[in-house]
Amino acid sequence: MKNFKIAMILVAAVAFFCSCGEKTVTVNVTEKNDVVTYDLSSAASLPIELTCTVNADAGIKTIELSRTIMNGETVVKTEAYELENADFEGKADFSFPWADTLLKADLAAGYTVEYKVTAADKKDNQDSKIYPINVVETATPISANWSDPIALSNQSWATYTGVTTITEQNETIGVKCLGKNDHKAYNLYAEPTTGASWVFVTNIDNLTTNEALVEAYNNGEKVTGRTMFPATDEGKGYEEKYFICKNKDGEYVLVDYVAGRMNSGATNTTGIGNVMVFKYKKAETPAPAAK
């Protein structure tokens, strides 16, 4: 019984000295706005504000920072960051901010960005924490409704029902009206405005997002010059045409050629002139900022 008591005392003593002598280091990383996902469709850049905390019973020896961009298991890019003017050596507790900015141009949907903090204490114990940010891209819908009619003409006296202003060109849809060139019956002509180009499409059922417009435009045949648009005299039947315009501002716009009317004005009492009418859809408002 005496030997058993001595053994228990020895075990307790060993446990006491081990628990008191063991030095640990822990790292914690949080984000000011709790960002875990960067939606590329929401903003061109995303500011990151991390708060990092290191606890080390034996005193902090080193703190290392790195940012790694991952594509699945593949490392795309790794960068090391310096913790400048930081008086942490020997301290048991140390907190510091880490500000950074993610750029859309450097990322792609499916990537992960890992912010890593690694700390060691005076006993060379180590701990590290990774704050991951998933990169996604949500499709940006285009407007569900067509715009009001846009009437274009190269004749100053032209008019069109329901439209108060008629201009020669419109930069949103990237169209310049050339009128009834070559005097060919039932044909009007137009060309893309400077810096714009078109791709004609026959089926628009799936063109409901900006991404779909971009893909269809990139896969289509670009039109940059004078193009014929079938029209009729005084509103008779015409051939509807759809095209995607990439305008000078880089916007992708789905355009509907809804009417083409020709009238000499000098011989007809209606005097409407040669008028081309369009409507359009596009991503009207930007998506909300990333959070």
Foldseek 3Di string as FASTA:
>chain_A
DVVVVVVVVVVVVVVVCVVVVDKAKEKDKAWPVRAAEAAVQFDQKDKTKMKMKMAIPQFWDDKWKKKFKAQVPDTPDMDTDDPPPDDGGGDRMDMDMDIDMGGSVVDDARMKMWIKMKTAHPVRHIDMDIRIHHYHYDFQFKDPDWDDKAKEDPDPQADDPPDDDYYQDDQVQQKGWPACPPVDAQKTKIFGHPQKKKFWDDDCPPVGTQVSLVVSGVPGDIGGDMDIFGAHEPWDDGDKTWIWMLGNVRFTKIKIFDHWYADPLVPDPVSNHTMTMMIIMGSPDGHHHRD
